[in-house]
PDB file of N, CA and C in Angstrom:
ATOM      1  N   MET A   1      68.706  85.937  56.183  1.00  0.00           N
ATOM      2  CA  MET A   1      68.564  85.893  57.488  1.00  0.00           C
ATOM      3  C   MET A   1      67.736  84.963  58.177  1.00  0.00           C
ATOM      4  N   GLU A   2      66.560  85.703  57.942  1.00  0.00           N
ATOM      5  CA  GLU A   2      65.113  85.431  58.483  1.00  0.00           C
ATOM      6  C   GLU A   2      65.158  83.741  58.556  1.00  0.00           C
ATOM      7  N   LYS A   3      65.354  83.308  57.072  1.00  0.00           N
ATOM      8  CA  LYS A   3      65.108  81.414  56.964  1.00  0.00           C
ATOM      9  C   LYS A   3      65.965  81.125  58.139  1.00  0.00           C
ATOM     10  N   LEU A   4      67.597  81.462  57.903  1.00  0.00           N
ATOM     11  CA  LEU A   4      68.637  81.080  58.798  1.00  0.00           C
ATOM     12  C   LEU A   4      67.841  80.957  60.396  1.00  0.00           C
ATOM     13  N   VAL A   5      67.303  81.811  60.865  1.00  0.00           N
ATOM     14  CA  VAL A   5      66.697  82.311  62.354  1.00  0.00           C
ATOM     15  C   VAL A   5      65.703  81.298  62.705  1.00  0.00           C
ATOM     16  N   ALA A   6      64.961  81.559  61.458  1.00  0.00           N
ATOM     17  CA  ALA A   6      63.599  80.296  61.808  1.00  0.00           C
ATOM     18  C   ALA A   6      64.445  78.845  61.894  1.00  0.00           C
ATOM     19  N   GLU A   7      65.360  78.239  60.908  1.00  0.00           N
ATOM     20  CA  GLU A   7      65.630  77.037  61.306  1.00  0.00           C
ATOM     21  C   GLU A   7      66.540  76.774  62.691  1.00  0.00           C
ATOM     22  N   LEU A   8      67.196  78.050  62.860  1.00  0.00           N
ATOM     23  CA  LEU A   8      67.897  77.805  64.485  1.00  0.00           C
ATOM     24  C   LEU A   8      66.719  77.321  65.528  1.00  0.00           C
ATOM     25  N   LYS A   9      65.564  78.566  65.436  1.00  0.00           N
ATOM     26  CA  LYS A   9      64.767  78.174  66.566  1.00  0.00           C
ATOM     27  C   LYS A   9      64.101  76.872  66.328  1.00  0.00           C
ATOM     28  N   GLU A  10      64.187  75.796  65.024  1.00  0.00           N
ATOM     29  CA  GLU A  10      63.714  74.784  65.121  1.00  0.00           C
ATOM     30  C   GLU A  10      64.602  73.675  66.076  1.00  0.00           C
ATOM     31  N   HIS A  11      66.005  73.748  66.094  1.00  0.00           N
ATOM     32  CA  HIS A  11      66.648  73.605  66.609  1.00  0.00           C
ATOM     33  C   HIS A  11      67.608  73.547  67.782  1.00  0.00           C
ATOM     34  N   VAL A  12      67.404  74.680  68.223  1.00  0.00           N
ATOM     35  CA  VAL A  12      67.889  75.210  69.397  1.00  0.00           C
ATOM     36  C   VAL A  12      66.877  75.612  70.396  1.00  0.00           C
ATOM     37  N   GLN A  13      67.365  75.326  71.807  1.00  0.00           N
ATOM     38  CA  GLN A  13      66.138  76.024  72.994  1.00  0.00           C
ATOM     39  C   GLN A  13      66.606  77.241  73.517  1.00  0.00           C
ATOM     40  N   PHE A  14      66.024  78.334  72.781  1.00  0.00           N
ATOM     41  CA  PHE A  14      66.464  79.482  73.354  1.00  0.00           C
ATOM     42  C   PHE A  14      65.467  80.272  74.493  1.00  0.00           C
ATOM     43  N   LYS A  15      66.157  81.235  75.221  1.00  0.00           N
ATOM     44  CA  LYS A  15      65.257  81.773  76.522  1.00  0.00           C
ATOM     45  C   LYS A  15      64.700  83.026  76.374  1.00  0.00           C
ATOM     46  N   ASP A  16      63.755  83.592  76.119  1.00  0.00           N
ATOM     47  CA  ASP A  16      63.370  85.047  75.818  1.00  0.00           C
ATOM     48  C   ASP A  16      63.758  85.952  76.865  1.00  0.00           C
ATOM     49  N   THR A  17      64.709  85.580  77.523  1.00  0.00           N
ATOM     50  CA  THR A  17      65.491  86.922  78.171  1.00  0.00           C
ATOM     51  C   THR A  17      66.999  86.329  78.266  1.00  0.00           C
ATOM     52  N   THR A  18      67.695  87.751  78.254  1.00  0.00           N
ATOM     53  CA  THR A  18      69.117  87.964  78.188  1.00  0.00           C
ATOM     54  C   THR A  18      69.642  88.506  79.722  1.00  0.00           C
ATOM     55  N   GLU A  19      70.574  87.824  80.435  1.00  0.00           N
ATOM     56  CA  GLU A  19      71.104  88.467  81.646  1.00  0.00           C
ATOM     57  C   GLU A  19      72.696  87.890  81.479  1.00  0.00           C
ATOM     58  N   VAL A  20      73.185  88.709  82.325  1.00  0.00           N
ATOM     59  CA  VAL A  20      74.555  88.591  82.662  1.00  0.00           C
ATOM     60  C   VAL A  20      74.903  86.788  83.199  1.00  0.00           C
ATOM     61  N   GLY A  21      75.642  86.478  82.422  1.00  0.00           N
ATOM     62  CA  GLY A  21      76.130  84.882  83.001  1.00  0.00           C
ATOM     63  C   GLY A  21      75.529  83.954  81.687  1.00  0.00           C
ATOM     64  N   ASP A  22      74.575  84.145  80.822  1.00  0.00           N
ATOM     65  CA  ASP A  22      74.362  83.646  79.691  1.00  0.00           C
ATOM     66  C   ASP A  22      75.120  83.706  78.472  1.00  0.00           C
ATOM     67  N   LEU A  23      75.114  82.336  77.950  1.00  0.00           N
ATOM     68  CA  LEU A  23      75.306  81.924  76.680  1.00  0.00           C
ATOM     69  C   LEU A  23      74.332  82.739  75.573  1.00  0.00           C
ATOM     70  N   VAL A  24      75.100  83.335  74.412  1.00  0.00           N
ATOM     71  CA  VAL A  24      74.393  83.480  73.528  1.00  0.00           C
ATOM     72  C   VAL A  24      74.780  83.451  72.086  1.00  0.00           C
ATOM     73  N   LEU A  25      73.613  83.251  71.465  1.00  0.00           N
ATOM     74  CA  LEU A  25      74.217  82.276  69.937  1.00  0.00           C
ATOM     75  C   LEU A  25      74.249  83.716  69.095  1.00  0.00           C
ATOM     76  N   LEU A  26      75.515  84.157  68.468  1.00  0.00           N
ATOM     77  CA  LEU A  26      75.761  85.582  67.708  1.00  0.00           C
ATOM     78  C   LEU A  26      75.823  85.033  66.506  1.00  0.00           C
ATOM     79  N   VAL A  27      74.899  85.254  65.613  1.00  0.00           N
ATOM     80  CA  VAL A  27      74.773  85.240  64.107  1.00  0.00           C
ATOM     81  C   VAL A  27      75.010  86.304  63.351  1.00  0.00           C
ATOM     82  N   ALA A  28      75.816  86.032  62.388  1.00  0.00           N
ATOM     83  CA  ALA A  28      76.078  87.209  61.284  1.00  0.00           C
ATOM     84  C   ALA A  28      76.038  86.687  60.115  1.00  0.00           C
ATOM     85  N   LYS A  29      75.769  87.527  58.978  1.00  0.00           N
ATOM     86  CA  LYS A  29      75.521  87.242  57.317  1.00  0.00           C
ATOM     87  C   LYS A  29      77.353  87.308  57.001  1.00  0.00           C
ATOM     88  N   GLU A  30      77.273  88.436  57.553  1.00  0.00           N
ATOM     89  CA  GLU A  30      78.884  89.112  56.668  1.00  0.00           C
ATOM     90  C   GLU A  30      79.417  89.743  57.728  1.00  0.00           C
ATOM     91  N   PRO A  31      80.396  89.400  58.034  1.00  0.00           N
ATOM     92  CA  PRO A  31      81.103  88.011  58.171  1.00  0.00           C
ATOM     93  C   PRO A  31      80.771  86.757  58.598  1.00  0.00           C
ATOM     94  N   GLN A  32      80.242  86.142  57.768  1.00  0.00           N
ATOM     95  CA  GLN A  32      79.906  84.648  58.076  1.00  0.00           C
ATOM     96  C   GLN A  32      80.104  84.246  59.401  1.00  0.00           C
ATOM     97  N   MET A  33      79.234  84.288  60.512  1.00  0.00           N
ATOM     98  CA  MET A  33      79.786  83.834  61.509  1.00  0.00           C
ATOM     99  C   MET A  33      78.358  83.599  62.467  1.00  0.00           C
ATOM    100  N   LEU A  34      78.985  82.024  63.317  1.00  0.00           N
ATOM    101  CA  LEU A  34      77.465  81.804  64.076  1.00  0.00           C
ATOM    102  C   LEU A  34      78.777  80.939  65.236  1.00  0.00           C
ATOM    103  N   VAL A  35      78.289  81.594  66.425  1.00  0.00           N
ATOM    104  CA  VAL A  35      79.523  81.667  67.747  1.00  0.00           C
ATOM    105  C   VAL A  35      78.723  81.770  68.822  1.00  0.00           C
ATOM    106  N   TYR A  36      79.030  81.176  70.085  1.00  0.00           N
ATOM    107  CA  TYR A  36      78.925  81.432  71.130  1.00  0.00           C
ATOM    108  C   TYR A  36      79.318  82.434  71.869  1.00  0.00           C
ATOM    109  N   ALA A  37      78.646  82.967  72.682  1.00  0.00           N
ATOM    110  CA  ALA A  37      79.091  83.747  73.860  1.00  0.00           C
ATOM    111  C   ALA A  37      78.943  83.817  75.167  1.00  0.00           C
ATOM    112  N   LEU A  38      79.793  84.312  75.679  1.00  0.00           N
ATOM    113  CA  LEU A  38      79.037  84.783  77.291  1.00  0.00           C
ATOM    114  C   LEU A  38      78.915  86.022  77.333  1.00  0.00           C
ATOM    115  N   VAL A  39      77.806  86.295  77.827  1.00  0.00           N
ATOM    116  CA  VAL A  39      77.306  87.897  78.753  1.00  0.00           C
ATOM    117  C   VAL A  39      78.128  87.870  79.914  1.00  0.00           C
ATOM    118  N   THR A  40      78.920  89.072  79.748  1.00  0.00           N
ATOM    119  CA  THR A  40      79.572  89.618  80.913  1.00  0.00           C
ATOM    120  C   THR A  40      79.035  90.449  81.609  1.00  0.00           C
ATOM    121  N   GLY A  41      78.377  91.846  80.927  1.00  0.00           N
ATOM    122  CA  GLY A  41      78.135  92.645  81.223  1.00  0.00           C
ATOM    123  C   GLY A  41      76.666  93.433  80.783  1.00  0.00           C
ATOM    124  N   ILE A  42      75.968  94.055  81.087  1.00  0.00           N
ATOM    125  CA  ILE A  42      74.748  94.736  80.707  1.00  0.00           C
ATOM    126  C   ILE A  42      74.485  96.285  80.890  1.00  0.00           C
ATOM    127  N   GLU A  43      74.896  97.078  80.418  1.00  0.00           N
ATOM    128  CA  GLU A  43      74.911  98.548  81.397  1.00  0.00           C
ATOM    129  C   GLU A  43      74.491  99.079  80.128  1.00  0.00           C
ATOM    130  N   ARG A  44      73.394 100.353  80.720  1.00  0.00           N
ATOM    131  CA  ARG A  44      72.632 101.111  79.915  1.00  0.00           C
ATOM    132  C   ARG A  44      73.564 102.418  79.450  1.00  0.00           C
ATOM    133  N   ASP A  45      73.242 102.492  78.232  1.00  0.00           N
ATOM    134  CA  ASP A  45      74.247 103.455  77.324  1.00  0.00           C
ATOM    135  C   ASP A  45      73.245 104.909  78.045  1.00  0.00           C
ATOM    136  N   PRO A  46      74.111 106.061  78.632  1.00  0.00           N
ATOM    137  CA  PRO A  46      73.780 106.986  79.339  1.00  0.00           C
ATOM    138  C   PRO A  46      73.870 108.266  78.164  1.00  0.00           C
ATOM    139  N   SER A  47      74.642 107.768  76.868  1.00  0.00           N
ATOM    140  CA  SER A  47      74.428 109.099  76.138  1.00  0.00           C
ATOM    141  C   SER A  47      73.593 108.933  74.743  1.00  0.00           C
ATOM    142  N   ARG A  48      72.761 108.153  75.367  1.00  0.00           N
ATOM    143  CA  ARG A  48      71.320 108.212  74.328  1.00  0.00           C
ATOM    144  C   ARG A  48      70.072 108.438  75.225  1.00  0.00           C
ATOM    145  N   LYS A  49      69.175 109.325  74.168  1.00  0.00           N
ATOM    146  CA  LYS A  49      68.093 109.607  74.816  1.00  0.00           C
ATOM    147  C   LYS A  49      67.031 108.281  74.600  1.00  0.00           C
ATOM    148  N   ASN A  50      66.867 107.351  74.084  1.00  0.00           N
ATOM    149  CA  ASN A  50      66.353 106.187  73.825  1.00  0.00           C
ATOM    150  C   ASN A  50      67.030 104.724  74.674  1.00  0.00           C
ATOM    151  N   GLU A  51      66.492 103.803  75.050  1.00  0.00           N
ATOM    152  CA  GLU A  51      66.822 102.900  75.959  1.00  0.00           C
ATOM    153  C   GLU A  51      68.006 101.615  74.846  1.00  0.00           C
ATOM    154  N   TRP A  52      68.944 102.351  75.220  1.00  0.00           N
ATOM    155  CA  TRP A  52      70.429 101.717  74.496  1.00  0.00           C
ATOM    156  C   TRP A  52      71.086 100.980  75.483  1.00  0.00           C
ATOM    157  N   TRP A  53      71.770 100.059  75.317  1.00  0.00           N
ATOM    158  CA  TRP A  53      72.458  98.553  76.232  1.00  0.00           C
ATOM    159  C   TRP A  53      73.776  98.617  75.837  1.00  0.00           C
ATOM    160  N   HIS A  54      75.209  98.752  76.251  1.00  0.00           N
ATOM    161  CA  HIS A  54      76.473  98.378  75.848  1.00  0.00           C
ATOM    162  C   HIS A  54      76.366  96.875  76.593  1.00  0.00           C
ATOM    163  N   VAL A  55      76.118  95.722  76.000  1.00  0.00           N
ATOM    164  CA  VAL A  55      76.378  94.303  75.992  1.00  0.00           C
ATOM    165  C   VAL A  55      77.748  93.905  75.957  1.00  0.00           C
ATOM    166  N   ASN A  56      77.992  93.403  77.178  1.00  0.00           N
ATOM    167  CA  ASN A  56      79.711  93.013  76.816  1.00  0.00           C
ATOM    168  C   ASN A  56      79.619  91.762  76.972  1.00  0.00           C
ATOM    169  N   MET A  57      80.214  91.142  75.999  1.00  0.00           N
ATOM    170  CA  MET A  57      80.095  89.516  76.080  1.00  0.00           C
ATOM    171  C   MET A  57      82.095  88.924  75.643  1.00  0.00           C
ATOM    172  N   GLN A  58      82.270  87.902  76.159  1.00  0.00           N
ATOM    173  CA  GLN A  58      83.668  87.325  75.591  1.00  0.00           C
ATOM    174  C   GLN A  58      82.860  86.100  74.516  1.00  0.00           C
ATOM    175  N   VAL A  59      83.420  85.942  73.532  1.00  0.00           N
ATOM    176  CA  VAL A  59      83.435  85.240  72.328  1.00  0.00           C
ATOM    177  C   VAL A  59      84.194  84.059  72.531  1.00  0.00           C
ATOM    178  N   LEU A  60      83.494  82.694  72.649  1.00  0.00           N
ATOM    179  CA  LEU A  60      83.820  81.526  73.073  1.00  0.00           C
ATOM    180  C   LEU A  60      84.654  81.061  71.790  1.00  0.00           C
ATOM    181  N   SER A  61      85.782  81.569  72.009  1.00  0.00           N
ATOM    182  CA  SER A  61      86.970  81.148  70.822  1.00  0.00           C
ATOM    183  C   SER A  61      88.357  80.922  71.689  1.00  0.00           C
ATOM    184  N   VAL A  62      89.377  80.891  70.957  1.00  0.00           N
ATOM    185  CA  VAL A  62      90.543  80.506  71.748  1.00  0.00           C
ATOM    186  C   VAL A  62      91.942  81.444  70.862  1.00  0.00           C
ATOM    187  N   PRO A  63      92.039  82.492  71.503  1.00  0.00           N
ATOM    188  CA  PRO A  63      91.289  82.875  72.689  1.00  0.00           C
ATOM    189  C   PRO A  63      90.280  83.373  72.989  1.00  0.00           C
ATOM    190  N   PRO A  64      89.567  83.675  74.043  1.00  0.00           N
ATOM    191  CA  PRO A  64      88.384  84.633  73.926  1.00  0.00           C
ATOM    192  C   PRO A  64      88.512  85.616  73.914  1.00  0.00           C
ATOM    193  N   GLN A  65      87.618  86.089  72.776  1.00  0.00           N
ATOM    194  CA  GLN A  65      87.812  87.702  72.110  1.00  0.00           C
ATOM    195  C   GLN A  65      86.823  88.487  73.267  1.00  0.00           C
ATOM    196  N   PRO A  66      87.176  89.391  73.848  1.00  0.00           N
ATOM    197  CA  PRO A  66      86.046  90.548  74.198  1.00  0.00           C
ATOM    198  C   PRO A  66      85.366  91.027  73.008  1.00  0.00           C
ATOM    199  N   LEU A  67      84.172  91.808  73.421  1.00  0.00           N
ATOM    200  CA  LEU A  67      83.103  92.183  72.479  1.00  0.00           C
ATOM    201  C   LEU A  67      82.200  93.133  73.057  1.00  0.00           C
ATOM    202  N   THR A  68      81.631  94.319  72.779  1.00  0.00           N
ATOM    203  CA  THR A  68      80.920  94.611  73.142  1.00  0.00           C
ATOM    204  C   THR A  68      80.201  95.536  72.507  1.00  0.00           C
ATOM    205  N   TRP A  69      79.026  95.238  72.290  1.00  0.00           N
ATOM    206  CA  TRP A  69      77.993  95.403  71.052  1.00  0.00           C
ATOM    207  C   TRP A  69      76.414  96.727  71.775  1.00  0.00           C
ATOM    208  N   THR A  70      76.752  97.816  71.039  1.00  0.00           N
ATOM    209  CA  THR A  70      75.474  98.724  71.753  1.00  0.00           C
ATOM    210  C   THR A  70      74.157  98.109  70.988  1.00  0.00           C
ATOM    211  N   LEU A  71      72.989  97.667  71.756  1.00  0.00           N
ATOM    212  CA  LEU A  71      72.113  97.270  71.115  1.00  0.00           C
ATOM    213  C   LEU A  71      70.947  97.750  71.948  1.00  0.00           C
ATOM    214  N   ARG A  72      69.533  97.873  71.307  1.00  0.00           N
ATOM    215  CA  ARG A  72      68.269  97.949  71.977  1.00  0.00           C
ATOM    216  C   ARG A  72      68.180  96.340  72.774  1.00  0.00           C
ATOM    217  N   MET A  73      66.774  96.246  73.833  1.00  0.00           N
ATOM    218  CA  MET A  73      66.923  95.192  74.557  1.00  0.00           C
ATOM    219  C   MET A  73      66.112  94.137  73.243  1.00  0.00           C
ATOM    220  N   GLU A  74      65.060  95.057  72.256  1.00  0.00           N
ATOM    221  CA  GLU A  74      64.720  93.895  71.179  1.00  0.00           C
ATOM    222  C   GLU A  74      65.498  92.921  70.708  1.00  0.00           C
ATOM    223  N   GLN A  75      67.010  93.902  70.181  1.00  0.00           N
ATOM    224  CA  GLN A  75      67.950  93.138  69.538  1.00  0.00           C
ATOM    225  C   GLN A  75      68.601  91.905  70.119  1.00  0.00           C
ATOM    226  N   PHE A  76      69.058  92.760  71.370  1.00  0.00           N
ATOM    227  CA  PHE A  76      69.896  91.250  72.484  1.00  0.00           C
ATOM    228  C   PHE A  76      69.522  90.255  72.861  1.00  0.00           C
ATOM    229  N   THR A  77      68.024  90.754  72.848  1.00  0.00           N
ATOM    230  CA  THR A  77      66.639  89.297  73.045  1.00  0.00           C
ATOM    231  C   THR A  77      66.457  88.476  72.311  1.00  0.00           C
ATOM    232  N   GLY A  78      67.065  88.964  70.716  1.00  0.00           N
ATOM    233  CA  GLY A  78      66.547  87.862  69.916  1.00  0.00           C
ATOM    234  C   GLY A  78      64.888  87.998  69.211  1.00  0.00           C
ATOM    235  N   ARG A  79      64.213  89.077  69.732  1.00  0.00           N
ATOM    236  CA  ARG A  79      63.143  89.407  69.222  1.00  0.00           C
ATOM    237  C   ARG A  79      63.215  90.558  67.680  1.00  0.00           C
ATOM    238  N   GLU A  80      63.990  90.914  67.476  1.00  0.00           N
ATOM    239  CA  GLU A  80      64.391  91.711  66.226  1.00  0.00           C
ATOM    240  C   GLU A  80      65.728  91.187  65.495  1.00  0.00           C
ATOM    241  N   ILE A  81      65.829  90.993  64.283  1.00  0.00           N
ATOM    242  CA  ILE A  81      66.948  91.016  63.760  1.00  0.00           C
ATOM    243  C   ILE A  81      67.666  92.403  62.920  1.00  0.00           C
ATOM    244  N   PHE A  82      68.482  92.342  63.344  1.00  0.00           N
ATOM    245  CA  PHE A  82      69.062  94.172  63.101  1.00  0.00           C
ATOM    246  C   PHE A  82      70.415  94.177  62.070  1.00  0.00           C
ATOM    247  N   THR A  83      70.565  95.221  61.731  1.00  0.00           N
ATOM    248  CA  THR A  83      72.159  95.433  61.441  1.00  0.00           C
ATOM    249  C   THR A  83      72.990  96.255  61.918  1.00  0.00           C
ATOM    250  N   MET A  84      74.452  95.852  61.703  1.00  0.00           N
ATOM    251  CA  MET A  84      75.381  96.572  61.737  1.00  0.00           C
ATOM    252  C   MET A  84      76.197  96.789  60.690  1.00  0.00           C
ATOM    253  N   GLY A  85      76.550  97.901  60.357  1.00  0.00           N
ATOM    254  CA  GLY A  85      77.026  98.037  59.248  1.00  0.00           C
ATOM    255  C   GLY A  85      76.426  98.018  57.989  1.00  0.00           C
ATOM    256  N   GLY A  86      75.295  97.480  57.955  1.00  0.00           N
ATOM    257  CA  GLY A  86      74.748  97.153  56.885  1.00  0.00           C
ATOM    258  C   GLY A  86      74.091  95.928  56.722  1.00  0.00           C
ATOM    259  N   GLU A  87      75.037  94.969  57.891  1.00  0.00           N
ATOM    260  CA  GLU A  87      75.069  93.481  57.595  1.00  0.00           C
ATOM    261  C   GLU A  87      73.924  92.840  58.521  1.00  0.00           C
ATOM    262  N   ALA A  88      73.549  92.166  58.630  1.00  0.00           N
ATOM    263  CA  ALA A  88      72.339  91.444  59.031  1.00  0.00           C
ATOM    264  C   ALA A  88      72.947  90.894  60.359  1.00  0.00           C
ATOM    265  N   ARG A  89      72.107  91.195  61.912  1.00  0.00           N
ATOM    266  CA  ARG A  89      72.700  90.117  63.062  1.00  0.00           C
ATOM    267  C   ARG A  89      71.592  89.621  63.692  1.00  0.00           C
ATOM    268  N   PHE A  90      72.065  88.977  64.163  1.00  0.00           N
ATOM    269  CA  PHE A  90      71.330  88.174  65.329  1.00  0.00           C
ATOM    270  C   PHE A  90      71.483  87.484  66.708  1.00  0.00           C
ATOM    271  N   VAL A  91      71.152  87.955  67.633  1.00  0.00           N
ATOM    272  CA  VAL A  91      71.804  87.808  69.115  1.00  0.00           C
ATOM    273  C   VAL A  91      70.683  87.122  69.992  1.00  0.00           C
ATOM    274  N   LYS A  92      70.272  86.004  70.467  1.00  0.00           N
ATOM    275  CA  LYS A  92      69.782  85.498  71.587  1.00  0.00           C
ATOM    276  C   LYS A  92      70.128  84.443  72.485  1.00  0.00           C
ATOM    277  N   ALA A  93      69.721  84.563  73.524  1.00  0.00           N
ATOM    278  CA  ALA A  93      70.305  83.814  74.842  1.00  0.00           C
ATOM    279  C   ALA A  93      69.630  82.256  74.675  1.00  0.00           C
ATOM    280  N   VAL A  94      70.738  81.339  74.755  1.00  0.00           N
ATOM    281  CA  VAL A  94      70.358  79.671  74.890  1.00  0.00           C
ATOM    282  C   VAL A  94      70.021  79.201  76.153  1.00  0.00           C
ATOM    283  N   HIS A  95      69.023  78.502  76.252  1.00  0.00           N
ATOM    284  CA  HIS A  95      68.422  77.639  77.398  1.00  0.00           C
ATOM    285  C   HIS A  95      68.983  76.259  77.422  1.00  0.00           C
ATOM    286  N   PHE A  96      70.171  76.019  78.685  1.00  0.00           N
ATOM    287  CA  PHE A  96      70.554  74.959  78.967  1.00  0.00           C
ATOM    288  C   PHE A  96      69.748  74.184  79.697  1.00  0.00           C
ATOM    289  N   ASP A  97      69.203  72.625  79.810  1.00  0.00           N
ATOM    290  CA  ASP A  97      69.289  72.261  80.617  1.00  0.00           C
ATOM    291  C   ASP A  97      70.258  71.249  81.108  1.00  0.00           C
ATOM    292  N   VAL A  98      70.386  72.370  82.535  1.00  0.00           N
ATOM    293  CA  VAL A  98      71.443  71.441  83.338  1.00  0.00           C
ATOM    294  C   VAL A  98      71.054  70.717  84.115  1.00  0.00           C
ATOM    295  N   ALA A  99      71.431  69.365  84.251  1.00  0.00           N
ATOM    296  CA  ALA A  99      71.318  68.719  85.068  1.00  0.00           C
ATOM    297  C   ALA A  99      72.026  68.835  86.752  1.00  0.00           C
ATOM    298  N   ARG A 100      71.603  68.705  87.553  1.00  0.00           N
ATOM    299  CA  ARG A 100      72.408  68.570  88.567  1.00  0.00           C
ATOM    300  C   ARG A 100      72.746  67.450  89.204  1.00  0.00           C
ATOM    301  N   ALA A 101      73.759  67.491  89.650  1.00  0.00           N
ATOM    302  CA  ALA A 101      74.821  66.240  90.006  1.00  0.00           C
ATOM    303  C   ALA A 101      73.691  65.726  91.488  1.00  0.00           C
ATOM    304  N   GLU A 102      73.648  64.468  91.490  1.00  0.00           N
ATOM    305  CA  GLU A 102      73.216  63.856  92.677  1.00  0.00           C
ATOM    306  C   GLU A 102      74.000  63.669  93.693  1.00  0.00           C
ATOM    307  N   PRO A 103      73.904  64.627  95.515  1.00  0.00           N
ATOM    308  CA  PRO A 103      74.991  64.550  96.232  1.00  0.00           C
ATOM    309  C   PRO A 103      75.367  62.990  96.385  1.00  0.00           C
ATOM    310  N   THR A 104      76.777  62.636  96.456  1.00  0.00           N
ATOM    311  CA  THR A 104      77.383  61.785  96.708  1.00  0.00           C
ATOM    312  C   THR A 104      77.728  61.257  97.895  1.00  0.00           C
ATOM    313  N   ALA A 105      77.926  60.215  98.748  1.00  0.00           N
ATOM    314  CA  ALA A 105      77.645  59.473 100.085  1.00  0.00           C
ATOM    315  C   ALA A 105      79.297  59.986 100.408  1.00  0.00           C
ATOM    316  N   PRO A 106      79.696  60.659 101.786  1.00  0.00           N
ATOM    317  CA  PRO A 106      80.976  60.856 101.866  1.00  0.00           C
ATOM    318  C   PRO A 106      82.027  59.633 101.940  1.00  0.00           C
ATOM    319  N   PRO A 107      83.564  60.334 101.658  1.00  0.00           N
ATOM    320  CA  PRO A 107      83.966  58.976 101.680  1.00  0.00           C
ATOM    321  C   PRO A 107      84.177  58.320 103.038  1.00  0.00           C
ATOM    322  N   SER A 108      84.501  57.155 102.579  1.00  0.00           N
ATOM    323  CA  SER A 108      84.433  56.069 103.557  1.00  0.00           C
ATOM    324  C   SER A 108      85.981  56.527 104.541  1.00  0.00           C
ATOM    325  N   THR A 109      85.356  56.075 105.381  1.00  0.00           N
ATOM    326  CA  THR A 109      86.620  56.507 106.727  1.00  0.00           C
ATOM    327  C   THR A 109      87.485  54.752 107.561  1.00  0.00           C
ATOM    328  N   ASP A 110      86.502  53.937 106.859  1.00  0.00           N
ATOM    329  CA  ASP A 110      87.280  52.481 106.873  1.00  0.00           C
ATOM    330  C   ASP A 110      88.852  52.575 106.452  1.00  0.00           C
ATOM    331  N   LYS A 111      89.765  52.187 107.120  1.00  0.00           N
ATOM    332  CA  LYS A 111      90.805  52.196 106.896  1.00  0.00           C
ATOM    333  C   LYS A 111      91.447  51.229 106.124  1.00  0.00           C
ATOM    334  N   LYS A 112      90.745  50.151 105.776  1.00  0.00           N
ATOM    335  CA  LYS A 112      90.797  48.859 104.838  1.00  0.00           C
ATOM    336  C   LYS A 112      91.024  49.087 103.476  1.00  0.00           C
ATOM    337  N   ARG A 113      89.795  50.207 103.524  1.00  0.00           N
ATOM    338  CA  ARG A 113      89.621  50.829 102.032  1.00  0.00           C
ATOM    339  C   ARG A 113      90.870  51.785 101.473  1.00  0.00           C
ATOM    340  N   GLY A 114      91.207  52.438 102.308  1.00  0.00           N
ATOM    341  CA  GLY A 114      92.130  53.410 101.835  1.00  0.00           C
ATOM    342  C   GLY A 114      93.626  52.885 101.246  1.00  0.00           C
ATOM    343  N   LEU A 115      94.471  53.786 100.819  1.00  0.00           N
ATOM    344  CA  LEU A 115      95.681  53.545 100.497  1.00  0.00           C
ATOM    345  C   LEU A 115      96.829  52.977 101.572  1.00  0.00           C
ATOM    346  N   ARG A 116      97.412  52.034 100.944  1.00  0.00           N
ATOM    347  CA  ARG A 116      98.392  51.529 102.206  1.00  0.00           C
ATOM    348  C   ARG A 116      99.845  51.928 101.690  1.00  0.00           C
ATOM    349  N   LEU A 117     100.498  52.343 102.365  1.00  0.00           N
ATOM    350  CA  LEU A 117     102.580  52.423 102.542  1.00  0.00           C
ATOM    351  C   LEU A 117     102.939  50.965 102.029  1.00  0.00           C
ATOM    352  N   VAL A 118     103.324  50.961 101.130  1.00  0.00           N
ATOM    353  CA  VAL A 118     104.639  50.009 100.982  1.00  0.00           C
ATOM    354  C   VAL A 118     105.579  50.143 100.750  1.00  0.00           C
ATOM    355  N   LYS A 119     106.244  49.552 101.793  1.00  0.00           N
ATOM    356  CA  LYS A 119     107.821  49.771 101.393  1.00  0.00           C
ATOM    357  C   LYS A 119     108.755  49.116 100.859  1.00  0.00           C
TER     358      LYS A 119
END
């Protein structure tokens, strides 16, 4: 798993933090999985003494699959490879460079350019 994560870090631009609305990359060895998920909620788990968080996600599949993992911050921010059921897992938010569209000119009010009614 360490080798796969190192290779992913060479090809994917990751964020240092994970917030609601982020897309995360979920990696699992068994069952073999490499998928994106949308983080829909992060809530503190009050039943635990140490800081654990319920990370709610929607796996971007057809249909989208809801998923909740209870993780420590080091785990859902990609600082630590962890295990679930004895199998290695990795989660980290992906940074997307979203170019903002330039504002366009308002539509022309010139009647000659509009649609015309043909009878």
